[in-house]
């Protein structure tokens, strides 16, 4: 999957979608998609990545507690 690095605007190929989808992992391994040569893998903070449309990543990918409030209301 390709995402955009917010600071540089460059495309990043995420190499582990499992890490991307896991909210417990704040970092993913990916590589810049630039030039003709394959770039070396690097660590990227999820907070620094967005979809190519500049839309933020879903909260369920980045926040372990994204459902805490709704779960709390369900048990009242």
PDB file of N, CA and C in Angstrom:
ATOM      1  N   UNK A   1       0.848  -1.167   0.000  1.00  0.00           N
ATOM      2  CA  UNK A   1       0.000   0.000   0.000  1.00  0.00           C
ATOM      3  C   UNK A   1       0.897   1.234   0.000  1.00  0.00           C
ATOM      4  N   UNK A   2       0.481   2.236  -0.739  1.00  0.00           N
ATOM      5  CA  UNK A   2       1.229   3.485  -0.810  1.00  0.00           C
ATOM      6  C   UNK A   2       0.524   4.565   0.006  1.00  0.00           C
ATOM      7  N   UNK A   3       1.302   5.254   0.825  1.00  0.00           N
ATOM      8  CA  UNK A   3       0.818   6.383   1.595  1.00  0.00           C
ATOM      9  C   UNK A   3       1.729   7.565   1.329  1.00  0.00           C
ATOM     10  N   UNK A   4       1.334   8.727   1.806  1.00  0.00           N
ATOM     11  CA  UNK A   4       2.149   9.925   1.603  1.00  0.00           C
ATOM     12  C   UNK A   4       2.810  10.322   2.923  1.00  0.00           C
ATOM     13  N   UNK A   5       4.103  10.619   2.847  1.00  0.00           N
ATOM     14  CA  UNK A   5       4.808  11.156   4.006  1.00  0.00           C
ATOM     15  C   UNK A   5       4.459  12.636   4.080  1.00  0.00           C
ATOM     16  N   UNK A   6       3.820  13.044   5.169  1.00  0.00           N
ATOM     17  CA  UNK A   6       3.286  14.406   5.259  1.00  0.00           C
ATOM     18  C   UNK A   6       4.367  15.477   5.132  1.00  0.00           C
ATOM     19  N   UNK A   7       5.507  15.268   5.758  1.00  0.00           N
ATOM     20  CA  UNK A   7       6.549  16.300   5.777  1.00  0.00           C
ATOM     21  C   UNK A   7       7.178  16.531   4.412  1.00  0.00           C
ATOM     22  N   UNK A   8       7.348  15.467   3.643  1.00  0.00           N
ATOM     23  CA  UNK A   8       8.045  15.590   2.365  1.00  0.00           C
ATOM     24  C   UNK A   8       7.110  15.549   1.161  1.00  0.00           C
ATOM     25  N   UNK A   9       5.917  14.982   1.345  1.00  0.00           N
ATOM     26  CA  UNK A   9       4.996  14.818   0.230  1.00  0.00           C
ATOM     27  C   UNK A   9       5.334  13.633  -0.656  1.00  0.00           C
ATOM     28  N   UNK A  10       6.364  12.870  -0.282  1.00  0.00           N
ATOM     29  CA  UNK A  10       6.785  11.716  -1.088  1.00  0.00           C
ATOM     30  C   UNK A  10       5.929  10.496  -0.783  1.00  0.00           C
ATOM     31  N   UNK A  11       5.799   9.621  -1.785  1.00  0.00           N
ATOM     32  CA  UNK A  11       5.086   8.366  -1.596  1.00  0.00           C
ATOM     33  C   UNK A  11       5.949   7.386  -0.810  1.00  0.00           C
ATOM     34  N   UNK A  12       5.291   6.660   0.098  1.00  0.00           N
ATOM     35  CA  UNK A  12       5.950   5.630   0.902  1.00  0.00           C
ATOM     36  C   UNK A  12       5.226   4.311   0.652  1.00  0.00           C
ATOM     37  N   UNK A  13       5.974   3.302   0.270  1.00  0.00           N
ATOM     38  CA  UNK A  13       5.406   1.970   0.121  1.00  0.00           C
ATOM     39  C   UNK A  13       5.507   1.277   1.472  1.00  0.00           C
ATOM     40  N   UNK A  14       4.369   0.985   2.084  1.00  0.00           N
ATOM     41  CA  UNK A  14       4.350   0.300   3.375  1.00  0.00           C
ATOM     42  C   UNK A  14       4.588  -1.179   3.120  1.00  0.00           C
ATOM     43  N   UNK A  15       5.599  -1.730   3.776  1.00  0.00           N
ATOM     44  CA  UNK A  15       5.982  -3.115   3.518  1.00  0.00           C
ATOM     45  C   UNK A  15       5.252  -4.109   4.408  1.00  0.00           C
ATOM     46  N   UNK A  16       4.725  -3.661   5.533  1.00  0.00           N
ATOM     47  CA  UNK A  16       4.000  -4.559   6.436  1.00  0.00           C
ATOM     48  C   UNK A  16       2.628  -3.987   6.734  1.00  0.00           C
ATOM     49  N   UNK A  17       1.625  -4.454   6.038  1.00  0.00           N
ATOM     50  CA  UNK A  17       0.271  -3.968   6.279  1.00  0.00           C
ATOM     51  C   UNK A  17      -0.233  -4.409   7.645  1.00  0.00           C
ATOM     52  N   UNK A  18       0.292  -5.514   8.156  1.00  0.00           N
ATOM     53  CA  UNK A  18      -0.098  -5.972   9.492  1.00  0.00           C
ATOM     54  C   UNK A  18       0.253  -4.908  10.531  1.00  0.00           C
ATOM     55  N   UNK A  19       1.452  -4.322  10.426  1.00  0.00           N
ATOM     56  CA  UNK A  19       1.843  -3.247  11.343  1.00  0.00           C
ATOM     57  C   UNK A  19       0.993  -2.003  11.127  1.00  0.00           C
ATOM     58  N   UNK A  20       0.669  -1.709   9.899  1.00  0.00           N
ATOM     59  CA  UNK A  20      -0.130  -0.534   9.582  1.00  0.00           C
ATOM     60  C   UNK A  20      -1.518  -0.631  10.219  1.00  0.00           C
ATOM     61  N   UNK A  21      -2.126  -1.782  10.171  1.00  0.00           N
ATOM     62  CA  UNK A  21      -3.482  -1.962  10.683  1.00  0.00           C
ATOM     63  C   UNK A  21      -3.539  -2.162  12.190  1.00  0.00           C
ATOM     64  N   UNK A  22      -2.424  -2.469  12.815  1.00  0.00           N
ATOM     65  CA  UNK A  22      -2.388  -2.733  14.248  1.00  0.00           C
ATOM     66  C   UNK A  22      -2.212  -1.431  15.020  1.00  0.00           C
ATOM     67  N   UNK A  23      -3.207  -1.016  15.821  1.00  0.00           N
ATOM     68  CA  UNK A  23      -3.084   0.247  16.542  1.00  0.00           C
ATOM     69  C   UNK A  23      -2.023   0.218  17.638  1.00  0.00           C
ATOM     70  N   UNK A  24      -1.530  -0.955  18.000  1.00  0.00           N
ATOM     71  CA  UNK A  24      -0.468  -1.058  19.009  1.00  0.00           C
ATOM     72  C   UNK A  24       0.900  -0.689  18.427  1.00  0.00           C
ATOM     73  N   UNK A  25       1.013  -0.644  17.126  1.00  0.00           N
ATOM     74  CA  UNK A  25       2.275  -0.329  16.457  1.00  0.00           C
ATOM     75  C   UNK A  25       2.238   1.107  15.942  1.00  0.00           C
ATOM     76  N   UNK A  26       3.082   1.944  16.517  1.00  0.00           N
ATOM     77  CA  UNK A  26       3.127   3.362  16.121  1.00  0.00           C
ATOM     78  C   UNK A  26       4.054   3.583  14.930  1.00  0.00           C
ATOM     79  N   UNK A  27       4.838   2.565  14.606  1.00  0.00           N
ATOM     80  CA  UNK A  27       5.836   2.669  13.535  1.00  0.00           C
ATOM     81  C   UNK A  27       5.592   1.569  12.512  1.00  0.00           C
ATOM     82  N   UNK A  28       5.792   1.901  11.237  1.00  0.00           N
ATOM     83  CA  UNK A  28       5.716   0.903  10.169  1.00  0.00           C
ATOM     84  C   UNK A  28       7.030   0.930   9.391  1.00  0.00           C
ATOM     85  N   UNK A  29       7.311  -0.159   8.747  1.00  0.00           N
ATOM     86  CA  UNK A  29       8.487  -0.246   7.881  1.00  0.00           C
ATOM     87  C   UNK A  29       8.021  -0.006   6.450  1.00  0.00           C
ATOM     88  N   UNK A  30       8.713   0.882   5.784  1.00  0.00           N
ATOM     89  CA  UNK A  30       8.370   1.193   4.409  1.00  0.00           C
ATOM     90  C   UNK A  30       9.572   1.757   3.689  1.00  0.00           C
ATOM     91  N   UNK A  31       9.354   2.120   2.456  1.00  0.00           N
ATOM     92  CA  UNK A  31      10.446   2.739   1.691  1.00  0.00           C
ATOM     93  C   UNK A  31       9.863   3.789   0.766  1.00  0.00           C
ATOM     94  N   UNK A  32      10.646   4.844   0.595  1.00  0.00           N
ATOM     95  CA  UNK A  32      10.213   5.890  -0.327  1.00  0.00           C
ATOM     96  C   UNK A  32      10.109   5.299  -1.721  1.00  0.00           C
ATOM     97  N   UNK A  33       9.131   5.725  -2.446  1.00  0.00           N
ATOM     98  CA  UNK A  33       8.924   5.294  -3.825  1.00  0.00           C
ATOM     99  C   UNK A  33       9.340   6.466  -4.713  1.00  0.00           C
ATOM    100  N   UNK A  34      10.638   6.519  -4.980  1.00  0.00           N
ATOM    101  CA  UNK A  34      11.178   7.643  -5.752  1.00  0.00           C
ATOM    102  C   UNK A  34      12.342   7.144  -6.598  1.00  0.00           C
ATOM    103  N   UNK A  35      12.450   7.656  -7.772  1.00  0.00           N
ATOM    104  CA  UNK A  35      13.548   7.254  -8.651  1.00  0.00           C
ATOM    105  C   UNK A  35      13.333   5.877  -9.231  1.00  0.00           C
ATOM    106  N   UNK A  36      14.337   5.407  -9.927  1.00  0.00           N
ATOM    107  CA  UNK A  36      14.235   4.105 -10.579  1.00  0.00           C
ATOM    108  C   UNK A  36      14.769   2.978  -9.707  1.00  0.00           C
ATOM    109  N   UNK A  37      15.643   3.316  -8.761  1.00  0.00           N
ATOM    110  CA  UNK A  37      16.215   2.284  -7.906  1.00  0.00           C
ATOM    111  C   UNK A  37      15.335   2.060  -6.684  1.00  0.00           C
ATOM    112  N   UNK A  38      15.278   0.810  -6.230  1.00  0.00           N
ATOM    113  CA  UNK A  38      14.541   0.460  -5.041  1.00  0.00           C
ATOM    114  C   UNK A  38      15.237   1.067  -3.830  1.00  0.00           C
ATOM    115  N   UNK A  39      14.495   1.822  -3.034  1.00  0.00           N
ATOM    116  CA  UNK A  39      15.069   2.474  -1.860  1.00  0.00           C
ATOM    117  C   UNK A  39      15.175   1.491  -0.696  1.00  0.00           C
ATOM    118  N   UNK A  40      16.066   1.784   0.233  1.00  0.00           N
ATOM    119  CA  UNK A  40      16.220   0.953   1.421  1.00  0.00           C
ATOM    120  C   UNK A  40      15.028   1.149   2.357  1.00  0.00           C
ATOM    121  N   UNK A  41      14.600   0.083   3.048  1.00  0.00           N
ATOM    122  CA  UNK A  41      13.509   0.216   4.014  1.00  0.00           C
ATOM    123  C   UNK A  41      13.903   1.147   5.162  1.00  0.00           C
ATOM    124  N   UNK A  42      12.900   1.872   5.652  1.00  0.00           N
ATOM    125  CA  UNK A  42      13.076   2.792   6.773  1.00  0.00           C
ATOM    126  C   UNK A  42      11.894   2.648   7.710  1.00  0.00           C
ATOM    127  N   UNK A  43      12.048   3.212   8.908  1.00  0.00           N
ATOM    128  CA  UNK A  43      10.953   3.252   9.876  1.00  0.00           C
ATOM    129  C   UNK A  43      10.200   4.574   9.704  1.00  0.00           C
ATOM    130  N   UNK A  44       8.883   4.492   9.689  1.00  0.00           N
ATOM    131  CA  UNK A  44       8.040   5.674   9.565  1.00  0.00           C
ATOM    132  C   UNK A  44       7.020   5.672  10.696  1.00  0.00           C
ATOM    133  N   UNK A  45       6.866   6.803  11.352  1.00  0.00           N
ATOM    134  CA  UNK A  45       5.822   6.968  12.356  1.00  0.00           C
ATOM    135  C   UNK A  45       4.484   7.053  11.627  1.00  0.00           C
ATOM    136  N   UNK A  46       3.492   6.338  12.119  1.00  0.00           N
ATOM    137  CA  UNK A  46       2.169   6.403  11.498  1.00  0.00           C
ATOM    138  C   UNK A  46       1.628   7.830  11.513  1.00  0.00           C
ATOM    139  N   UNK A  47       1.949   8.579  12.557  1.00  0.00           N
ATOM    140  CA  UNK A  47       1.460   9.957  12.672  1.00  0.00           C
ATOM    141  C   UNK A  47       1.972  10.839  11.541  1.00  0.00           C
ATOM    142  N   UNK A  48       3.068  10.422  10.897  1.00  0.00           N
ATOM    143  CA  UNK A  48       3.657  11.200   9.804  1.00  0.00           C
ATOM    144  C   UNK A  48       3.140  10.781   8.433  1.00  0.00           C
ATOM    145  N   UNK A  49       2.206   9.833   8.400  1.00  0.00           N
ATOM    146  CA  UNK A  49       1.705   9.309   7.133  1.00  0.00           C
ATOM    147  C   UNK A  49       0.233   9.664   6.936  1.00  0.00           C
ATOM    148  N   UNK A  50      -0.175   9.750   5.690  1.00  0.00           N
ATOM    149  CA  UNK A  50      -1.568  10.006   5.322  1.00  0.00           C
ATOM    150  C   UNK A  50      -1.831   9.300   3.998  1.00  0.00           C
ATOM    151  N   UNK A  51      -3.097   9.197   3.645  1.00  0.00           N
ATOM    152  CA  UNK A  51      -3.434   8.687   2.329  1.00  0.00           C
ATOM    153  C   UNK A  51      -2.975   9.695   1.278  1.00  0.00           C
ATOM    154  N   UNK A  52      -2.853   9.265   0.058  1.00  0.00           N
ATOM    155  CA  UNK A  52      -2.374  10.154  -1.006  1.00  0.00           C
ATOM    156  C   UNK A  52      -3.318  11.329  -1.243  1.00  0.00           C
ATOM    157  N   UNK A  53      -4.558  11.204  -0.784  1.00  0.00           N
ATOM    158  CA  UNK A  53      -5.534  12.293  -0.901  1.00  0.00           C
ATOM    159  C   UNK A  53      -5.415  13.285   0.256  1.00  0.00           C
ATOM    160  N   UNK A  54      -4.402  13.094   1.106  1.00  0.00           N
ATOM    161  CA  UNK A  54      -4.162  13.884   2.320  1.00  0.00           C
ATOM    162  C   UNK A  54      -5.152  13.577   3.438  1.00  0.00           C
ATOM    163  N   UNK A  55      -5.968  12.567   3.263  1.00  0.00           N
ATOM    164  CA  UNK A  55      -6.874  12.149   4.329  1.00  0.00           C
ATOM    165  C   UNK A  55      -6.072  11.418   5.403  1.00  0.00           C
ATOM    166  N   UNK A  56      -6.396  11.681   6.656  1.00  0.00           N
ATOM    167  CA  UNK A  56      -5.698  11.037   7.778  1.00  0.00           C
ATOM    168  C   UNK A  56      -5.986   9.538   7.795  1.00  0.00           C
ATOM    169  N   UNK A  57      -5.089   8.793   8.418  1.00  0.00           N
ATOM    170  CA  UNK A  57      -5.306   7.359   8.592  1.00  0.00           C
ATOM    171  C   UNK A  57      -6.476   7.154   9.551  1.00  0.00           C
ATOM    172  N   UNK A  58      -7.220   6.070   9.410  1.00  0.00           N
ATOM    173  CA  UNK A  58      -8.336   5.807  10.312  1.00  0.00           C
ATOM    174  C   UNK A  58      -7.864   5.690  11.758  1.00  0.00           C
ATOM    175  N   UNK A  59      -8.685   6.179  12.669  1.00  0.00           N
ATOM    176  CA  UNK A  59      -8.329   6.123  14.085  1.00  0.00           C
ATOM    177  C   UNK A  59      -8.102   4.698  14.568  1.00  0.00           C
ATOM    178  N   UNK A  60      -8.819   3.739  14.011  1.00  0.00           N
ATOM    179  CA  UNK A  60      -8.677   2.349  14.446  1.00  0.00           C
ATOM    180  C   UNK A  60      -7.308   1.776  14.070  1.00  0.00           C
ATOM    181  N   UNK A  61      -6.555   2.452  13.219  1.00  0.00           N
ATOM    182  CA  UNK A  61      -5.195   2.032  12.867  1.00  0.00           C
ATOM    183  C   UNK A  61      -4.151   2.681  13.768  1.00  0.00           C
ATOM    184  N   UNK A  62      -4.526   3.755  14.445  1.00  0.00           N
ATOM    185  CA  UNK A  62      -3.534   4.546  15.179  1.00  0.00           C
ATOM    186  C   UNK A  62      -3.796   4.685  16.668  1.00  0.00           C
ATOM    187  N   UNK A  63      -5.024   4.452  17.116  1.00  0.00           N
ATOM    188  CA  UNK A  63      -5.389   4.700  18.508  1.00  0.00           C
ATOM    189  C   UNK A  63      -5.950   3.436  19.144  1.00  0.00           C
ATOM    190  N   UNK A  64      -5.231   2.894  20.098  1.00  0.00           N
ATOM    191  CA  UNK A  64      -5.652   1.662  20.777  1.00  0.00           C
ATOM    192  C   UNK A  64      -7.004   1.853  21.464  1.00  0.00           C
ATOM    193  N   UNK A  65      -7.267   3.040  21.925  1.00  0.00           N
ATOM    194  CA  UNK A  65      -8.471   3.313  22.712  1.00  0.00           C
ATOM    195  C   UNK A  65      -9.602   3.936  21.893  1.00  0.00           C
ATOM    196  N   UNK A  66      -9.606   3.711  20.599  1.00  0.00           N
ATOM    197  CA  UNK A  66     -10.583   4.377  19.735  1.00  0.00           C
ATOM    198  C   UNK A  66     -12.029   4.000  20.054  1.00  0.00           C
ATOM    199  N   UNK A  67     -12.257   2.885  20.721  1.00  0.00           N
ATOM    200  CA  UNK A  67     -13.633   2.480  21.023  1.00  0.00           C
ATOM    201  C   UNK A  67     -13.959   2.590  22.511  1.00  0.00           C
ATOM    202  N   UNK A  68     -13.063   3.092  23.317  1.00  0.00           N
ATOM    203  CA  UNK A  68     -13.298   3.139  24.757  1.00  0.00           C
ATOM    204  C   UNK A  68     -14.553   3.910  25.122  1.00  0.00           C
ATOM    205  N   UNK A  69     -14.748   5.069  24.523  1.00  0.00           N
ATOM    206  CA  UNK A  69     -15.898   5.890  24.871  1.00  0.00           C
ATOM    207  C   UNK A  69     -17.207   5.200  24.507  1.00  0.00           C
ATOM    208  N   UNK A  70     -17.283   4.593  23.331  1.00  0.00           N
ATOM    209  CA  UNK A  70     -18.523   3.920  22.937  1.00  0.00           C
ATOM    210  C   UNK A  70     -18.770   2.680  23.797  1.00  0.00           C
ATOM    211  N   UNK A  71     -17.724   1.980  24.194  1.00  0.00           N
ATOM    212  CA  UNK A  71     -17.877   0.812  25.061  1.00  0.00           C
ATOM    213  C   UNK A  71     -18.331   1.248  26.447  1.00  0.00           C
ATOM    214  N   UNK A  72     -17.832   2.380  26.910  1.00  0.00           N
ATOM    215  CA  UNK A  72     -18.211   2.891  28.221  1.00  0.00           C
ATOM    216  C   UNK A  72     -19.698   3.238  28.243  1.00  0.00           C
ATOM    217  N   UNK A  73     -20.200   3.860  27.174  1.00  0.00           N
ATOM    218  CA  UNK A  73     -21.612   4.221  27.110  1.00  0.00           C
ATOM    219  C   UNK A  73     -22.513   2.999  27.007  1.00  0.00           C
ATOM    220  N   UNK A  74     -22.041   1.927  26.428  1.00  0.00           N
ATOM    221  CA  UNK A  74     -22.854   0.726  26.252  1.00  0.00           C
ATOM    222  C   UNK A  74     -23.140   0.038  27.583  1.00  0.00           C
ATOM    223  N   UNK A  75     -22.289   0.244  28.565  1.00  0.00           N
ATOM    224  CA  UNK A  75     -22.440  -0.449  29.857  1.00  0.00           C
ATOM    225  C   UNK A  75     -23.030   0.433  30.939  1.00  0.00           C
ATOM    226  N   UNK A  76     -23.638   1.520  30.579  1.00  0.00           N
ATOM    227  CA  UNK A  76     -24.300   2.393  31.580  1.00  0.00           C
ATOM    228  C   UNK A  76     -25.687   1.923  31.869  1.00  0.00           C
TER     229      UNK A  76
END
